[in-house]
Amino acid sequence: MEFGARELLTFGTVLAGLASGYGMIKSQLLGAQRTITKLSKLLQGIESRMDKVESDKNVVQNQLETITAILAPDKLKKMSERDGAIEERLKSLERETASQRRMHNDRHPPVKVEK
């Protein structure tokens, strides 16, 4: 089988077209790979920020639950009643102490000896 100038020219044109197509596709693939790498890094940054935001949200939510439990109306009522009872007991003890001081006047009263 003999190839003439026309066939060789056609074959060369097809090879040149294939080579240029391969070069363009390779170039576009490299560009797409760079874009994918950039997007991957961007996505990792976004994910790490989201993790931090979720962590901070959980901390705030736990703090809010604790404060809500402390400031619950039934607990505040119990604490108020307890504080009132403590205050009344303190006043009672202060009265007893004042009475003891008046009675002794910093000196012990004479003790009568029975004969």
C-alpha atoms as a PDB file:
ATOM      1  CA  MET A   1       0.000   0.000   0.000  1.00  0.00           C
ATOM      2  CA  GLU A   2       1.437   3.239  -1.159  1.00  0.00           C
ATOM      3  CA  PHE A   3       0.783   6.593   0.332  1.00  0.00           C
ATOM      4  CA  GLY A   4       0.785   9.578  -1.874  1.00  0.00           C
ATOM      5  CA  ALA A   5       1.323  13.168  -0.960  1.00  0.00           C
ATOM      6  CA  ARG A   6      -2.391  13.723  -0.537  1.00  0.00           C
ATOM      7  CA  GLU A   7      -2.797  10.875   1.987  1.00  0.00           C
ATOM      8  CA  LEU A   8       0.304  11.915   3.916  1.00  0.00           C
ATOM      9  CA  LEU A   9      -0.945  15.496   4.066  1.00  0.00           C
ATOM     10  CA  THR A  10      -4.345  14.304   5.321  1.00  0.00           C
ATOM     11  CA  PHE A  11      -2.680  12.021   7.860  1.00  0.00           C
ATOM     12  CA  GLY A  12      -0.445  14.887   9.049  1.00  0.00           C
ATOM     13  CA  THR A  13      -3.430  17.209   9.365  1.00  0.00           C
ATOM     14  CA  VAL A  14      -5.331  14.634  11.447  1.00  0.00           C
ATOM     15  CA  LEU A  15      -2.277  14.085  13.678  1.00  0.00           C
ATOM     16  CA  ALA A  16      -1.799  17.829  14.127  1.00  0.00           C
ATOM     17  CA  GLY A  17      -5.495  18.209  15.017  1.00  0.00           C
ATOM     18  CA  LEU A  18      -5.274  15.369  17.530  1.00  0.00           C
ATOM     19  CA  ALA A  19      -2.096  16.800  19.084  1.00  0.00           C
ATOM     20  CA  SER A  20      -3.569  20.281  19.420  1.00  0.00           C
ATOM     21  CA  GLY A  21      -6.819  18.827  20.843  1.00  0.00           C
ATOM     22  CA  TYR A  22      -4.798  16.793  23.343  1.00  0.00           C
ATOM     23  CA  GLY A  23      -2.833  19.894  24.358  1.00  0.00           C
ATOM     24  CA  MET A  24      -6.002  21.954  24.842  1.00  0.00           C
ATOM     25  CA  ILE A  25      -7.691  19.219  26.868  1.00  0.00           C
ATOM     26  CA  LYS A  26      -4.578  18.743  29.022  1.00  0.00           C
ATOM     27  CA  SER A  27      -4.384  22.492  29.641  1.00  0.00           C
ATOM     28  CA  GLN A  28      -8.069  22.670  30.588  1.00  0.00           C
ATOM     29  CA  LEU A  29      -7.703  19.667  32.912  1.00  0.00           C
ATOM     30  CA  LEU A  30      -4.752  21.298  34.693  1.00  0.00           C
ATOM     31  CA  GLY A  31      -6.802  24.479  35.132  1.00  0.00           C
ATOM     32  CA  ALA A  32      -9.718  22.457  36.486  1.00  0.00           C
ATOM     33  CA  GLN A  33      -7.391  20.645  38.907  1.00  0.00           C
ATOM     34  CA  ARG A  34      -6.068  23.976  40.227  1.00  0.00           C
ATOM     35  CA  THR A  35      -9.618  25.238  40.650  1.00  0.00           C
ATOM     36  CA  ILE A  36     -10.630  22.060  42.490  1.00  0.00           C
ATOM     37  CA  THR A  37      -7.598  22.378  44.793  1.00  0.00           C
ATOM     38  CA  LYS A  38      -8.489  26.002  45.613  1.00  0.00           C
ATOM     39  CA  LEU A  39     -12.112  25.073  46.248  1.00  0.00           C
ATOM     40  CA  SER A  40     -11.049  22.168  48.455  1.00  0.00           C
ATOM     41  CA  LYS A  41      -8.896  24.466  50.610  1.00  0.00           C
ATOM     42  CA  LEU A  42     -11.726  26.992  50.799  1.00  0.00           C
ATOM     43  CA  LEU A  43     -14.152  24.255  51.851  1.00  0.00           C
ATOM     44  CA  GLN A  44     -11.765  23.062  54.582  1.00  0.00           C
ATOM     45  CA  GLY A  45     -11.559  26.608  55.947  1.00  0.00           C
ATOM     46  CA  ILE A  46     -15.337  26.923  55.939  1.00  0.00           C
ATOM     47  CA  GLU A  47     -15.717  23.568  57.686  1.00  0.00           C
ATOM     48  CA  SER A  48     -13.244  24.521  60.424  1.00  0.00           C
ATOM     49  CA  ARG A  49     -15.068  27.818  61.000  1.00  0.00           C
ATOM     50  CA  MET A  50     -18.390  25.969  61.140  1.00  0.00           C
ATOM     51  CA  ASP A  51     -16.951  23.555  63.721  1.00  0.00           C
ATOM     52  CA  LYS A  52     -15.842  26.498  65.872  1.00  0.00           C
ATOM     53  CA  VAL A  53     -19.239  28.175  65.550  1.00  0.00           C
ATOM     54  CA  GLU A  54     -21.024  24.950  66.529  1.00  0.00           C
ATOM     55  CA  SER A  55     -18.693  24.488  69.495  1.00  0.00           C
ATOM     56  CA  ASP A  56     -19.275  28.067  70.670  1.00  0.00           C
ATOM     57  CA  LYS A  57     -23.021  27.611  70.208  1.00  0.00           C
ATOM     58  CA  ASN A  58     -22.984  24.489  72.381  1.00  0.00           C
ATOM     59  CA  VAL A  59     -21.046  26.310  75.120  1.00  0.00           C
ATOM     60  CA  VAL A  60     -23.533  29.186  75.109  1.00  0.00           C
ATOM     61  CA  GLN A  61     -26.445  26.763  75.101  1.00  0.00           C
ATOM     62  CA  ASN A  62     -25.048  24.923  78.148  1.00  0.00           C
ATOM     63  CA  GLN A  63     -24.489  28.228  79.951  1.00  0.00           C
ATOM     64  CA  LEU A  64     -28.042  29.281  79.159  1.00  0.00           C
ATOM     65  CA  GLU A  65     -29.434  26.002  80.481  1.00  0.00           C
ATOM     66  CA  THR A  66     -27.449  26.434  83.699  1.00  0.00           C
ATOM     67  CA  ILE A  67     -28.632  30.010  84.179  1.00  0.00           C
ATOM     68  CA  THR A  68     -32.211  28.975  83.406  1.00  0.00           C
ATOM     69  CA  ALA A  69     -32.009  26.218  86.010  1.00  0.00           C
ATOM     70  CA  ILE A  70     -30.627  28.641  88.611  1.00  0.00           C
ATOM     71  CA  LEU A  71     -33.222  31.328  87.903  1.00  0.00           C
ATOM     72  CA  ALA A  72     -36.210  28.979  87.727  1.00  0.00           C
ATOM     73  CA  PRO A  73     -39.140  30.442  89.729  1.00  0.00           C
ATOM     74  CA  ASP A  74     -39.509  27.408  92.007  1.00  0.00           C
ATOM     75  CA  LYS A  75     -35.797  27.453  92.829  1.00  0.00           C
ATOM     76  CA  LEU A  76     -35.843  31.197  93.466  1.00  0.00           C
ATOM     77  CA  LYS A  77     -38.803  30.699  95.816  1.00  0.00           C
ATOM     78  CA  LYS A  78     -36.972  27.972  97.742  1.00  0.00           C
ATOM     79  CA  MET A  79     -33.814  30.102  97.978  1.00  0.00           C
ATOM     80  CA  SER A  80     -35.841  33.092  99.150  1.00  0.00           C
ATOM     81  CA  GLU A  81     -37.577  31.009 101.825  1.00  0.00           C
ATOM     82  CA  ARG A  82     -34.241  29.581 102.953  1.00  0.00           C
ATOM     83  CA  ASP A  83     -32.673  33.038 103.088  1.00  0.00           C
ATOM     84  CA  GLY A  84     -35.652  34.324 105.088  1.00  0.00           C
ATOM     85  CA  ALA A  85     -35.352  31.463 107.575  1.00  0.00           C
ATOM     86  CA  ILE A  86     -31.617  32.093 107.941  1.00  0.00           C
ATOM     87  CA  GLU A  87     -32.231  35.799 108.510  1.00  0.00           C
ATOM     88  CA  GLU A  88     -34.848  35.092 111.192  1.00  0.00           C
ATOM     89  CA  ARG A  89     -32.517  32.630 112.924  1.00  0.00           C
ATOM     90  CA  LEU A  90     -29.728  35.224 112.830  1.00  0.00           C
ATOM     91  CA  LYS A  91     -31.996  37.858 114.399  1.00  0.00           C
ATOM     92  CA  SER A  92     -33.022  35.391 117.104  1.00  0.00           C
ATOM     93  CA  LEU A  93     -29.402  34.570 117.903  1.00  0.00           C
ATOM     94  CA  GLU A  94     -28.515  38.280 118.004  1.00  0.00           C
ATOM     95  CA  ARG A  95     -31.345  38.872 120.523  1.00  0.00           C
ATOM     96  CA  GLU A  96     -30.146  35.982 122.689  1.00  0.00           C
ATOM     97  CA  THR A  97     -26.574  37.281 122.570  1.00  0.00           C
ATOM     98  CA  ALA A  98     -27.711  40.810 123.491  1.00  0.00           C
ATOM     99  CA  SER A  99     -29.721  39.374 126.380  1.00  0.00           C
ATOM    100  CA  GLN A 100     -26.701  37.441 127.646  1.00  0.00           C
ATOM    101  CA  ARG A 101     -24.528  40.561 127.468  1.00  0.00           C
ATOM    102  CA  ARG A 102     -27.074  42.638 129.407  1.00  0.00           C
ATOM    103  CA  MET A 103     -27.401  39.966 132.040  1.00  0.00           C
ATOM    104  CA  HIS A 104     -23.669  39.599 132.589  1.00  0.00           C
ATOM    105  CA  ASN A 105     -22.605  43.153 131.821  1.00  0.00           C
ATOM    106  CA  ASP A 106     -19.129  41.760 131.189  1.00  0.00           C
ATOM    107  CA  ARG A 107     -19.072  40.492 134.777  1.00  0.00           C
ATOM    108  CA  HIS A 108     -20.469  37.371 136.224  1.00  0.00           C
ATOM    109  CA  PRO A 109     -23.186  37.984 138.831  1.00  0.00           C
ATOM    110  CA  PRO A 110     -22.391  36.806 142.333  1.00  0.00           C
ATOM    111  CA  VAL A 111     -23.254  33.221 142.996  1.00  0.00           C
ATOM    112  CA  LYS A 112     -25.095  32.501 146.214  1.00  0.00           C
ATOM    113  CA  VAL A 113     -23.765  29.589 148.153  1.00  0.00           C
ATOM    114  CA  GLU A 114     -26.400  27.568 149.916  1.00  0.00           C
ATOM    115  CA  LYS A 115     -25.660  26.557 153.471  1.00  0.00           C
END
